[in-house]
Amino acid sequence: MSLMEKVWGNVQDKREWKELETRAAKLPENYRKAYKAIQKYMWSSGHCPADWKDSFHILQGMVELLEEGAAEQKSVAELTGGDAAAFCDDMLKEVRTLNDKYRKKLNRTIS
């Protein structure tokens, strides 16, 4: 890892993140609000992926879904179903979350 990466982080990752957020900002208002709400739920519910790339891929998929839904004039509820939190949890079930990481660390510390 170069000194620049140690100080600033991976520049390509930051560029990809900025591009994703720019795409999300271009969504129609109700889709953009839904994206931000889903993002907030992910970050605050303990279900945040432990790996940056997992977070990026999940949110990238969410932006793509919302873009397609907007193009087809579907409501956000049609895309996520009646329980948006369950929809989010389902998206996150295949990745290791921070909650998983902290549970493992606690169990390792106790035993």
PDB file of N, CA and C in Angstrom:
ATOM      1  N   MET A   1       0.844  -1.168   0.000  1.00  0.00           N
ATOM      2  CA  MET A   1       0.000   0.000   0.000  1.00  0.00           C
ATOM      3  C   MET A   1       0.897   1.242   0.000  1.00  0.00           C
ATOM      4  N   SER A   2       0.612   2.170  -0.885  1.00  0.00           N
ATOM      5  CA  SER A   2       1.425   3.377  -0.982  1.00  0.00           C
ATOM      6  C   SER A   2       1.084   4.340   0.157  1.00  0.00           C
ATOM      7  N   LEU A   3       1.966   5.272   0.362  1.00  0.00           N
ATOM      8  CA  LEU A   3       1.744   6.288   1.394  1.00  0.00           C
ATOM      9  C   LEU A   3       0.474   7.080   1.096  1.00  0.00           C
ATOM     10  N   MET A   4       0.254   7.395  -0.168  1.00  0.00           N
ATOM     11  CA  MET A   4      -0.946   8.145  -0.543  1.00  0.00           C
ATOM     12  C   MET A   4      -2.222   7.386  -0.170  1.00  0.00           C
ATOM     13  N   GLU A   5      -2.225   6.074  -0.423  1.00  0.00           N
ATOM     14  CA  GLU A   5      -3.393   5.269  -0.065  1.00  0.00           C
ATOM     15  C   GLU A   5      -3.589   5.207   1.435  1.00  0.00           C
ATOM     16  N   LYS A   6      -2.490   5.173   2.200  1.00  0.00           N
ATOM     17  CA  LYS A   6      -2.603   5.159   3.655  1.00  0.00           C
ATOM     18  C   LYS A   6      -3.219   6.450   4.173  1.00  0.00           C
ATOM     19  N   VAL A   7      -2.872   7.554   3.545  1.00  0.00           N
ATOM     20  CA  VAL A   7      -3.369   8.854   3.998  1.00  0.00           C
ATOM     21  C   VAL A   7      -4.780   9.121   3.468  1.00  0.00           C
ATOM     22  N   TRP A   8      -4.990   8.926   2.185  1.00  0.00           N
ATOM     23  CA  TRP A   8      -6.248   9.303   1.544  1.00  0.00           C
ATOM     24  C   TRP A   8      -7.199   8.151   1.302  1.00  0.00           C
ATOM     25  N   GLY A   9      -6.743   6.932   1.397  1.00  0.00           N
ATOM     26  CA  GLY A   9      -7.567   5.788   1.047  1.00  0.00           C
ATOM     27  C   GLY A   9      -7.455   5.507  -0.444  1.00  0.00           C
ATOM     28  N   ASN A  10      -8.147   4.501  -0.892  1.00  0.00           N
ATOM     29  CA  ASN A  10      -8.111   4.109  -2.296  1.00  0.00           C
ATOM     30  C   ASN A  10      -8.870   5.136  -3.130  1.00  0.00           C
ATOM     31  N   VAL A  11      -8.171   5.804  -4.014  1.00  0.00           N
ATOM     32  CA  VAL A  11      -8.751   6.875  -4.826  1.00  0.00           C
ATOM     33  C   VAL A  11      -9.821   6.321  -5.766  1.00  0.00           C
ATOM     34  N   GLN A  12      -9.587   5.147  -6.336  1.00  0.00           N
ATOM     35  CA  GLN A  12     -10.569   4.552  -7.247  1.00  0.00           C
ATOM     36  C   GLN A  12     -11.872   4.239  -6.517  1.00  0.00           C
ATOM     37  N   ASP A  13     -11.794   3.720  -5.289  1.00  0.00           N
ATOM     38  CA  ASP A  13     -13.001   3.451  -4.498  1.00  0.00           C
ATOM     39  C   ASP A  13     -13.777   4.742  -4.267  1.00  0.00           C
ATOM     40  N   LYS A  14     -13.072   5.794  -3.933  1.00  0.00           N
ATOM     41  CA  LYS A  14     -13.724   7.085  -3.696  1.00  0.00           C
ATOM     42  C   LYS A  14     -14.375   7.614  -4.965  1.00  0.00           C
ATOM     43  N   ARG A  15     -13.715   7.429  -6.087  1.00  0.00           N
ATOM     44  CA  ARG A  15     -14.265   7.865  -7.371  1.00  0.00           C
ATOM     45  C   ARG A  15     -15.545   7.088  -7.684  1.00  0.00           C
ATOM     46  N   GLU A  16     -15.515   5.772  -7.490  1.00  0.00           N
ATOM     47  CA  GLU A  16     -16.701   4.948  -7.741  1.00  0.00           C
ATOM     48  C   GLU A  16     -17.842   5.351  -6.825  1.00  0.00           C
ATOM     49  N   TRP A  17     -17.533   5.623  -5.548  1.00  0.00           N
ATOM     50  CA  TRP A  17     -18.568   6.033  -4.595  1.00  0.00           C
ATOM     51  C   TRP A  17     -19.197   7.355  -5.025  1.00  0.00           C
ATOM     52  N   LYS A  18     -18.373   8.307  -5.436  1.00  0.00           N
ATOM     53  CA  LYS A  18     -18.875   9.612  -5.863  1.00  0.00           C
ATOM     54  C   LYS A  18     -19.768   9.468  -7.094  1.00  0.00           C
ATOM     55  N   GLU A  19     -19.374   8.614  -8.028  1.00  0.00           N
ATOM     56  CA  GLU A  19     -20.194   8.366  -9.217  1.00  0.00           C
ATOM     57  C   GLU A  19     -21.541   7.760  -8.842  1.00  0.00           C
ATOM     58  N   LEU A  20     -21.535   6.830  -7.888  1.00  0.00           N
ATOM     59  CA  LEU A  20     -22.779   6.214  -7.436  1.00  0.00           C
ATOM     60  C   LEU A  20     -23.689   7.251  -6.786  1.00  0.00           C
ATOM     61  N   GLU A  21     -23.131   8.086  -5.925  1.00  0.00           N
ATOM     62  CA  GLU A  21     -23.925   9.111  -5.260  1.00  0.00           C
ATOM     63  C   GLU A  21     -24.453  10.139  -6.259  1.00  0.00           C
ATOM     64  N   THR A  22     -23.708  10.412  -7.323  1.00  0.00           N
ATOM     65  CA  THR A  22     -24.170  11.317  -8.379  1.00  0.00           C
ATOM     66  C   THR A  22     -25.357  10.709  -9.105  1.00  0.00           C
ATOM     67  N   ARG A  23     -25.278   9.413  -9.393  1.00  0.00           N
ATOM     68  CA  ARG A  23     -26.421   8.717 -10.024  1.00  0.00           C
ATOM     69  C   ARG A  23     -27.642   8.773  -9.126  1.00  0.00           C
ATOM     70  N   ALA A  24     -27.447   8.528  -7.831  1.00  0.00           N
ATOM     71  CA  ALA A  24     -28.563   8.546  -6.881  1.00  0.00           C
ATOM     72  C   ALA A  24     -29.180   9.941  -6.802  1.00  0.00           C
ATOM     73  N   ALA A  25     -28.346  10.974  -6.868  1.00  0.00           N
ATOM     74  CA  ALA A  25     -28.843  12.354  -6.795  1.00  0.00           C
ATOM     75  C   ALA A  25     -29.698  12.720  -8.010  1.00  0.00           C
ATOM     76  N   LYS A  26     -29.519  12.018  -9.114  1.00  0.00           N
ATOM     77  CA  LYS A  26     -30.281  12.288 -10.333  1.00  0.00           C
ATOM     78  C   LYS A  26     -31.627  11.567 -10.362  1.00  0.00           C
ATOM     79  N   LEU A  27     -31.876  10.701  -9.381  1.00  0.00           N
ATOM     80  CA  LEU A  27     -33.155  10.001  -9.324  1.00  0.00           C
ATOM     81  C   LEU A  27     -34.279  10.995  -9.044  1.00  0.00           C
ATOM     82  N   PRO A  28     -35.508  10.682  -9.492  1.00  0.00           N
ATOM     83  CA  PRO A  28     -36.643  11.523  -9.098  1.00  0.00           C
ATOM     84  C   PRO A  28     -36.734  11.592  -7.567  1.00  0.00           C
ATOM     85  N   GLU A  29     -37.338  12.651  -7.070  1.00  0.00           N
ATOM     86  CA  GLU A  29     -37.301  12.943  -5.634  1.00  0.00           C
ATOM     87  C   GLU A  29     -37.719  11.777  -4.740  1.00  0.00           C
ATOM     88  N   ASN A  30     -38.840  11.131  -5.023  1.00  0.00           N
ATOM     89  CA  ASN A  30     -39.299  10.053  -4.143  1.00  0.00           C
ATOM     90  C   ASN A  30     -38.352   8.847  -4.175  1.00  0.00           C
ATOM     91  N   TYR A  31     -37.735   8.568  -5.295  1.00  0.00           N
ATOM     92  CA  TYR A  31     -36.764   7.482  -5.397  1.00  0.00           C
ATOM     93  C   TYR A  31     -35.468   7.852  -4.675  1.00  0.00           C
ATOM     94  N   ARG A  32     -35.065   9.119  -4.808  1.00  0.00           N
ATOM     95  CA  ARG A  32     -33.864   9.607  -4.125  1.00  0.00           C
ATOM     96  C   ARG A  32     -34.046   9.545  -2.603  1.00  0.00           C
ATOM     97  N   LYS A  33     -35.227   9.935  -2.133  1.00  0.00           N
ATOM     98  CA  LYS A  33     -35.517   9.866  -0.694  1.00  0.00           C
ATOM     99  C   LYS A  33     -35.499   8.416  -0.212  1.00  0.00           C
ATOM    100  N   ALA A  34     -36.041   7.521  -1.023  1.00  0.00           N
ATOM    101  CA  ALA A  34     -36.042   6.101  -0.664  1.00  0.00           C
ATOM    102  C   ALA A  34     -34.618   5.570  -0.589  1.00  0.00           C
ATOM    103  N   TYR A  35     -33.779   5.954  -1.545  1.00  0.00           N
ATOM    104  CA  TYR A  35     -32.381   5.524  -1.542  1.00  0.00           C
ATOM    105  C   TYR A  35     -31.688   5.991  -0.273  1.00  0.00           C
ATOM    106  N   LYS A  36     -31.870   7.257   0.068  1.00  0.00           N
ATOM    107  CA  LYS A  36     -31.223   7.798   1.275  1.00  0.00           C
ATOM    108  C   LYS A  36     -31.753   7.116   2.534  1.00  0.00           C
ATOM    109  N   ALA A  37     -33.043   6.809   2.573  1.00  0.00           N
ATOM    110  CA  ALA A  37     -33.626   6.126   3.732  1.00  0.00           C
ATOM    111  C   ALA A  37     -33.072   4.705   3.863  1.00  0.00           C
ATOM    112  N   ILE A  38     -32.932   4.016   2.740  1.00  0.00           N
ATOM    113  CA  ILE A  38     -32.369   2.662   2.746  1.00  0.00           C
ATOM    114  C   ILE A  38     -30.911   2.710   3.181  1.00  0.00           C
ATOM    115  N   GLN A  39     -30.187   3.678   2.666  1.00  0.00           N
ATOM    116  CA  GLN A  39     -28.788   3.854   3.043  1.00  0.00           C
ATOM    117  C   GLN A  39     -28.675   4.118   4.554  1.00  0.00           C
ATOM    118  N   LYS A  40     -29.513   4.988   5.067  1.00  0.00           N
ATOM    119  CA  LYS A  40     -29.504   5.303   6.506  1.00  0.00           C
ATOM    120  C   LYS A  40     -29.842   4.058   7.326  1.00  0.00           C
ATOM    121  N   TYR A  41     -30.829   3.289   6.878  1.00  0.00           N
ATOM    122  CA  TYR A  41     -31.194   2.057   7.579  1.00  0.00           C
ATOM    123  C   TYR A  41     -30.007   1.107   7.628  1.00  0.00           C
ATOM    124  N   MET A  42     -29.329   0.963   6.493  1.00  0.00           N
ATOM    125  CA  MET A  42     -28.163   0.079   6.438  1.00  0.00           C
ATOM    126  C   MET A  42     -27.092   0.513   7.431  1.00  0.00           C
ATOM    127  N   TRP A  43     -26.801   1.803   7.460  1.00  0.00           N
ATOM    128  CA  TRP A  43     -25.720   2.303   8.312  1.00  0.00           C
ATOM    129  C   TRP A  43     -26.093   2.256   9.786  1.00  0.00           C
ATOM    130  N   SER A  44     -27.374   2.435  10.114  1.00  0.00           N
ATOM    131  CA  SER A  44     -27.744   2.594  11.524  1.00  0.00           C
ATOM    132  C   SER A  44     -28.359   1.357  12.169  1.00  0.00           C
ATOM    133  N   SER A  45     -28.683   0.349  11.408  1.00  0.00           N
ATOM    134  CA  SER A  45     -29.382  -0.804  11.976  1.00  0.00           C
ATOM    135  C   SER A  45     -28.455  -1.903  12.480  1.00  0.00           C
ATOM    136  N   GLY A  46     -27.160  -1.734  12.321  1.00  0.00           N
ATOM    137  CA  GLY A  46     -26.225  -2.789  12.693  1.00  0.00           C
ATOM    138  C   GLY A  46     -26.040  -3.809  11.588  1.00  0.00           C
ATOM    139  N   HIS A  47     -26.749  -3.602  10.495  1.00  0.00           N
ATOM    140  CA  HIS A  47     -26.665  -4.520   9.363  1.00  0.00           C
ATOM    141  C   HIS A  47     -25.720  -4.020   8.282  1.00  0.00           C
ATOM    142  N   CYS A  48     -24.962  -3.008   8.597  1.00  0.00           N
ATOM    143  CA  CYS A  48     -24.023  -2.454   7.630  1.00  0.00           C
ATOM    144  C   CYS A  48     -22.969  -3.508   7.285  1.00  0.00           C
ATOM    145  N   PRO A  49     -22.739  -3.748   6.009  1.00  0.00           N
ATOM    146  CA  PRO A  49     -21.697  -4.717   5.647  1.00  0.00           C
ATOM    147  C   PRO A  49     -20.345  -4.335   6.239  1.00  0.00           C
ATOM    148  N   ALA A  50     -19.622  -5.331   6.687  1.00  0.00           N
ATOM    149  CA  ALA A  50     -18.307  -5.108   7.289  1.00  0.00           C
ATOM    150  C   ALA A  50     -17.272  -4.744   6.226  1.00  0.00           C
ATOM    151  N   ASP A  51     -17.530  -5.097   4.995  1.00  0.00           N
ATOM    152  CA  ASP A  51     -16.596  -4.831   3.905  1.00  0.00           C
ATOM    153  C   ASP A  51     -17.142  -3.710   3.022  1.00  0.00           C
ATOM    154  N   TRP A  52     -16.302  -2.742   2.720  1.00  0.00           N
ATOM    155  CA  TRP A  52     -16.684  -1.592   1.906  1.00  0.00           C
ATOM    156  C   TRP A  52     -17.247  -2.011   0.556  1.00  0.00           C
ATOM    157  N   LYS A  53     -16.622  -2.984  -0.096  1.00  0.00           N
ATOM    158  CA  LYS A  53     -17.064  -3.408  -1.434  1.00  0.00           C
ATOM    159  C   LYS A  53     -18.472  -4.001  -1.391  1.00  0.00           C
ATOM    160  N   ASP A  54     -18.788  -4.733  -0.315  1.00  0.00           N
ATOM    161  CA  ASP A  54     -20.150  -5.259  -0.182  1.00  0.00           C
ATOM    162  C   ASP A  54     -21.164  -4.123  -0.092  1.00  0.00           C
ATOM    163  N   SER A  55     -20.849  -3.116   0.704  1.00  0.00           N
ATOM    164  CA  SER A  55     -21.734  -1.945   0.820  1.00  0.00           C
ATOM    165  C   SER A  55     -21.936  -1.299  -0.548  1.00  0.00           C
ATOM    166  N   PHE A  56     -20.842  -1.103  -1.244  1.00  0.00           N
ATOM    167  CA  PHE A  56     -20.908  -0.456  -2.548  1.00  0.00           C
ATOM    168  C   PHE A  56     -21.774  -1.252  -3.511  1.00  0.00           C
ATOM    169  N   HIS A  57     -21.565  -2.566  -3.580  1.00  0.00           N
ATOM    170  CA  HIS A  57     -22.315  -3.395  -4.528  1.00  0.00           C
ATOM    171  C   HIS A  57     -23.803  -3.427  -4.194  1.00  0.00           C
ATOM    172  N   ILE A  58     -24.137  -3.474  -2.915  1.00  0.00           N
ATOM    173  CA  ILE A  58     -25.546  -3.482  -2.519  1.00  0.00           C
ATOM    174  C   ILE A  58     -26.206  -2.158  -2.901  1.00  0.00           C
ATOM    175  N   LEU A  59     -25.548  -1.057  -2.586  1.00  0.00           N
ATOM    176  CA  LEU A  59     -26.130   0.246  -2.916  1.00  0.00           C
ATOM    177  C   LEU A  59     -26.144   0.502  -4.416  1.00  0.00           C
ATOM    178  N   GLN A  60     -25.167  -0.010  -5.114  1.00  0.00           N
ATOM    179  CA  GLN A  60     -25.155   0.104  -6.575  1.00  0.00           C
ATOM    180  C   GLN A  60     -26.368  -0.641  -7.156  1.00  0.00           C
ATOM    181  N   GLY A  61     -26.623  -1.835  -6.642  1.00  0.00           N
ATOM    182  CA  GLY A  61     -27.794  -2.591  -7.084  1.00  0.00           C
ATOM    183  C   GLY A  61     -29.083  -1.863  -6.758  1.00  0.00           C
ATOM    184  N   MET A  62     -29.113  -1.188  -5.601  1.00  0.00           N
ATOM    185  CA  MET A  62     -30.297  -0.438  -5.213  1.00  0.00           C
ATOM    186  C   MET A  62     -30.534   0.725  -6.161  1.00  0.00           C
ATOM    187  N   VAL A  63     -29.478   1.452  -6.520  1.00  0.00           N
ATOM    188  CA  VAL A  63     -29.616   2.561  -7.469  1.00  0.00           C
ATOM    189  C   VAL A  63     -30.110   2.039  -8.809  1.00  0.00           C
ATOM    190  N   GLU A  64     -29.563   0.922  -9.276  1.00  0.00           N
ATOM    191  CA  GLU A  64     -30.003   0.348 -10.548  1.00  0.00           C
ATOM    192  C   GLU A  64     -31.479  -0.029 -10.503  1.00  0.00           C
ATOM    193  N   LEU A  65     -31.914  -0.642  -9.393  1.00  0.00           N
ATOM    194  CA  LEU A  65     -33.312  -1.014  -9.236  1.00  0.00           C
ATOM    195  C   LEU A  65     -34.204   0.225  -9.259  1.00  0.00           C
ATOM    196  N   LEU A  66     -33.800   1.272  -8.559  1.00  0.00           N
ATOM    197  CA  LEU A  66     -34.592   2.504  -8.516  1.00  0.00           C
ATOM    198  C   LEU A  66     -34.601   3.202  -9.872  1.00  0.00           C
ATOM    199  N   GLU A  67     -33.483   3.175 -10.578  1.00  0.00           N
ATOM    200  CA  GLU A  67     -33.449   3.763 -11.924  1.00  0.00           C
ATOM    201  C   GLU A  67     -34.415   3.033 -12.859  1.00  0.00           C
ATOM    202  N   GLU A  68     -34.399   1.703 -12.798  1.00  0.00           N
ATOM    203  CA  GLU A  68     -35.304   0.909 -13.640  1.00  0.00           C
ATOM    204  C   GLU A  68     -36.753   1.151 -13.241  1.00  0.00           C
ATOM    205  N   GLY A  69     -37.004   1.207 -11.931  1.00  0.00           N
ATOM    206  CA  GLY A  69     -38.363   1.465 -11.448  1.00  0.00           C
ATOM    207  C   GLY A  69     -38.871   2.825 -11.892  1.00  0.00           C
ATOM    208  N   ALA A  70     -38.014   3.820 -11.840  1.00  0.00           N
ATOM    209  CA  ALA A  70     -38.408   5.163 -12.278  1.00  0.00           C
ATOM    210  C   ALA A  70     -38.710   5.164 -13.776  1.00  0.00           C
ATOM    211  N   ALA A  71     -37.892   4.470 -14.556  1.00  0.00           N
ATOM    212  CA  ALA A  71     -38.105   4.402 -16.002  1.00  0.00           C
ATOM    213  C   ALA A  71     -39.426   3.709 -16.336  1.00  0.00           C
ATOM    214  N   GLU A  72     -39.793   2.726 -15.518  1.00  0.00           N
ATOM    215  CA  GLU A  72     -41.036   1.990 -15.740  1.00  0.00           C
ATOM    216  C   GLU A  72     -42.209   2.604 -14.983  1.00  0.00           C
ATOM    217  N   GLN A  73     -41.960   3.706 -14.306  1.00  0.00           N
ATOM    218  CA  GLN A  73     -42.963   4.437 -13.522  1.00  0.00           C
ATOM    219  C   GLN A  73     -43.622   3.565 -12.463  1.00  0.00           C
ATOM    220  N   LYS A  74     -42.802   2.738 -11.808  1.00  0.00           N
ATOM    221  CA  LYS A  74     -43.290   1.934 -10.691  1.00  0.00           C
ATOM    222  C   LYS A  74     -43.040   2.706  -9.405  1.00  0.00           C
ATOM    223  N   SER A  75     -43.891   2.496  -8.423  1.00  0.00           N
ATOM    224  CA  SER A  75     -43.671   3.149  -7.136  1.00  0.00           C
ATOM    225  C   SER A  75     -42.556   2.420  -6.385  1.00  0.00           C
ATOM    226  N   VAL A  76     -41.960   3.107  -5.440  1.00  0.00           N
ATOM    227  CA  VAL A  76     -40.905   2.492  -4.636  1.00  0.00           C
ATOM    228  C   VAL A  76     -41.467   1.290  -3.887  1.00  0.00           C
ATOM    229  N   ALA A  77     -42.693   1.417  -3.390  1.00  0.00           N
ATOM    230  CA  ALA A  77     -43.327   0.307  -2.667  1.00  0.00           C
ATOM    231  C   ALA A  77     -43.498  -0.920  -3.560  1.00  0.00           C
ATOM    232  N   GLU A  78     -43.746  -0.707  -4.841  1.00  0.00           N
ATOM    233  CA  GLU A  78     -43.840  -1.833  -5.774  1.00  0.00           C
ATOM    234  C   GLU A  78     -42.488  -2.528  -5.908  1.00  0.00           C
ATOM    235  N   LEU A  79     -41.417  -1.757  -5.813  1.00  0.00           N
ATOM    236  CA  LEU A  79     -40.078  -2.329  -5.961  1.00  0.00           C
ATOM    237  C   LEU A  79     -39.616  -3.051  -4.703  1.00  0.00           C
ATOM    238  N   THR A  80     -39.941  -2.502  -3.541  1.00  0.00           N
ATOM    239  CA  THR A  80     -39.445  -3.066  -2.286  1.00  0.00           C
ATOM    240  C   THR A  80     -40.448  -3.988  -1.604  1.00  0.00           C
ATOM    241  N   GLY A  81     -41.700  -3.928  -2.008  1.00  0.00           N
ATOM    242  CA  GLY A  81     -42.728  -4.699  -1.327  1.00  0.00           C
ATOM    243  C   GLY A  81     -43.255  -3.900  -0.138  1.00  0.00           C
ATOM    244  N   GLY A  82     -44.169  -4.481   0.599  1.00  0.00           N
ATOM    245  CA  GLY A  82     -44.808  -3.785   1.703  1.00  0.00           C
ATOM    246  C   GLY A  82     -43.918  -3.520   2.893  1.00  0.00           C
ATOM    247  N   ASP A  83     -42.871  -4.305   3.064  1.00  0.00           N
ATOM    248  CA  ASP A  83     -41.976  -4.148   4.217  1.00  0.00           C
ATOM    249  C   ASP A  83     -40.578  -3.811   3.707  1.00  0.00           C
ATOM    250  N   ALA A  84     -40.298  -2.512   3.629  1.00  0.00           N
ATOM    251  CA  ALA A  84     -39.010  -2.061   3.083  1.00  0.00           C
ATOM    252  C   ALA A  84     -37.844  -2.532   3.941  1.00  0.00           C
ATOM    253  N   ALA A  85     -38.019  -2.589   5.263  1.00  0.00           N
ATOM    254  CA  ALA A  85     -36.939  -3.043   6.148  1.00  0.00           C
ATOM    255  C   ALA A  85     -36.615  -4.514   5.875  1.00  0.00           C
ATOM    256  N   ALA A  86     -37.629  -5.328   5.690  1.00  0.00           N
ATOM    257  CA  ALA A  86     -37.400  -6.743   5.371  1.00  0.00           C
ATOM    258  C   ALA A  86     -36.702  -6.872   4.017  1.00  0.00           C
ATOM    259  N   PHE A  87     -37.068  -6.011   3.065  1.00  0.00           N
ATOM    260  CA  PHE A  87     -36.408  -5.995   1.762  1.00  0.00           C
ATOM    261  C   PHE A  87     -34.915  -5.715   1.939  1.00  0.00           C
ATOM    262  N   CYS A  88     -34.604  -4.710   2.756  1.00  0.00           N
ATOM    263  CA  CYS A  88     -33.200  -4.360   3.017  1.00  0.00           C
ATOM    264  C   CYS A  88     -32.476  -5.507   3.724  1.00  0.00           C
ATOM    265  N   ASP A  89     -33.115  -6.066   4.736  1.00  0.00           N
ATOM    266  CA  ASP A  89     -32.505  -7.184   5.457  1.00  0.00           C
ATOM    267  C   ASP A  89     -32.207  -8.342   4.522  1.00  0.00           C
ATOM    268  N   ASP A  90     -33.115  -8.586   3.587  1.00  0.00           N
ATOM    269  CA  ASP A  90     -32.924  -9.666   2.627  1.00  0.00           C
ATOM    270  C   ASP A  90     -31.721  -9.388   1.725  1.00  0.00           C
ATOM    271  N   MET A  91     -31.536  -8.114   1.325  1.00  0.00           N
ATOM    272  CA  MET A  91     -30.376  -7.754   0.500  1.00  0.00           C
ATOM    273  C   MET A  91     -29.070  -7.989   1.260  1.00  0.00           C
ATOM    274  N   LEU A  92     -29.127  -7.846   2.568  1.00  0.00           N
ATOM    275  CA  LEU A  92     -27.917  -7.910   3.391  1.00  0.00           C
ATOM    276  C   LEU A  92     -27.634  -9.289   3.963  1.00  0.00           C
ATOM    277  N   LYS A  93     -28.536 -10.243   3.772  1.00  0.00           N
ATOM    278  CA  LYS A  93     -28.387 -11.527   4.456  1.00  0.00           C
ATOM    279  C   LYS A  93     -27.182 -12.350   3.996  1.00  0.00           C
ATOM    280  N   GLU A  94     -26.677 -12.093   2.803  1.00  0.00           N
ATOM    281  CA  GLU A  94     -25.562 -12.881   2.276  1.00  0.00           C
ATOM    282  C   GLU A  94     -24.191 -12.291   2.589  1.00  0.00           C
ATOM    283  N   VAL A  95     -24.157 -11.124   3.227  1.00  0.00           N
ATOM    284  CA  VAL A  95     -22.874 -10.481   3.503  1.00  0.00           C
ATOM    285  C   VAL A  95     -22.598 -10.457   4.996  1.00  0.00           C
ATOM    286  N   ARG A  96     -21.335 -10.399   5.331  1.00  0.00           N
ATOM    287  CA  ARG A  96     -20.923 -10.290   6.729  1.00  0.00           C
ATOM    288  C   ARG A  96     -21.125  -8.837   7.153  1.00  0.00           C
ATOM    289  N   THR A  97     -21.890  -8.626   8.212  1.00  0.00           N
ATOM    290  CA  THR A  97     -22.194  -7.278   8.666  1.00  0.00           C
ATOM    291  C   THR A  97     -21.318  -6.896   9.855  1.00  0.00           C
ATOM    292  N   LEU A  98     -21.337  -5.612  10.179  1.00  0.00           N
ATOM    293  CA  LEU A  98     -20.606  -5.160  11.367  1.00  0.00           C
ATOM    294  C   LEU A  98     -21.146  -5.843  12.618  1.00  0.00           C
ATOM    295  N   ASN A  99     -22.457  -6.059  12.663  1.00  0.00           N
ATOM    296  CA  ASN A  99     -23.065  -6.759  13.789  1.00  0.00           C
ATOM    297  C   ASN A  99     -22.456  -8.153  13.940  1.00  0.00           C
ATOM    298  N   ASP A 100     -22.309  -8.865  12.827  1.00  0.00           N
ATOM    299  CA  ASP A 100     -21.682 -10.195  12.844  1.00  0.00           C
ATOM    300  C   ASP A 100     -20.248 -10.109  13.355  1.00  0.00           C
ATOM    301  N   LYS A 101     -19.529  -9.106  12.879  1.00  0.00           N
ATOM    302  CA  LYS A 101     -18.135  -8.917  13.266  1.00  0.00           C
ATOM    303  C   LYS A 101     -18.018  -8.685  14.777  1.00  0.00           C
ATOM    304  N   TYR A 102     -18.879  -7.813  15.313  1.00  0.00           N
ATOM    305  CA  TYR A 102     -18.814  -7.504  16.740  1.00  0.00           C
ATOM    306  C   TYR A 102     -19.273  -8.678  17.608  1.00  0.00           C
ATOM    307  N   ARG A 103     -20.247  -9.440  17.132  1.00  0.00           N
ATOM    308  CA  ARG A 103     -20.692 -10.638  17.867  1.00  0.00           C
ATOM    309  C   ARG A 103     -19.550 -11.649  17.970  1.00  0.00           C
ATOM    310  N   LYS A 104     -18.874 -11.859  16.846  1.00  0.00           N
ATOM    311  CA  LYS A 104     -17.753 -12.807  16.816  1.00  0.00           C
ATOM    312  C   LYS A 104     -16.642 -12.339  17.754  1.00  0.00           C
ATOM    313  N   LYS A 105     -16.360 -11.042  17.724  1.00  0.00           N
ATOM    314  CA  LYS A 105     -15.314 -10.500  18.590  1.00  0.00           C
ATOM    315  C   LYS A 105     -15.675 -10.656  20.063  1.00  0.00           C
ATOM    316  N   LEU A 106     -16.931 -10.386  20.401  1.00  0.00           N
ATOM    317  CA  LEU A 106     -17.379 -10.559  21.789  1.00  0.00           C
ATOM    318  C   LEU A 106     -17.256 -11.998  22.226  1.00  0.00           C
ATOM    319  N   ASN A 107     -17.725 -12.922  21.412  1.00  0.00           N
ATOM    320  CA  ASN A 107     -17.648 -14.348  21.753  1.00  0.00           C
ATOM    321  C   ASN A 107     -16.212 -14.811  21.890  1.00  0.00           C
ATOM    322  N   ARG A 108     -15.326 -14.317  21.036  1.00  0.00           N
ATOM    323  CA  ARG A 108     -13.904 -14.665  21.117  1.00  0.00           C
ATOM    324  C   ARG A 108     -13.301 -14.106  22.409  1.00  0.00           C
ATOM    325  N   THR A 109     -13.683 -12.898  22.786  1.00  0.00           N
ATOM    326  CA  THR A 109     -13.171 -12.279  23.997  1.00  0.00           C
ATOM    327  C   THR A 109     -13.625 -13.027  25.252  1.00  0.00           C
ATOM    328  N   ILE A 110     -14.884 -13.446  25.276  1.00  0.00           N
ATOM    329  CA  ILE A 110     -15.439 -14.126  26.449  1.00  0.00           C
ATOM    330  C   ILE A 110     -14.870 -15.531  26.584  1.00  0.00           C
ATOM    331  N   SER A 111     -14.691 -16.213  25.485  1.00  0.00           N
ATOM    332  CA  SER A 111     -14.206 -17.602  25.556  1.00  0.00           C
ATOM    333  C   SER A 111     -12.733 -17.660  25.472  1.00  0.00           C
TER     334      SER A 111
END
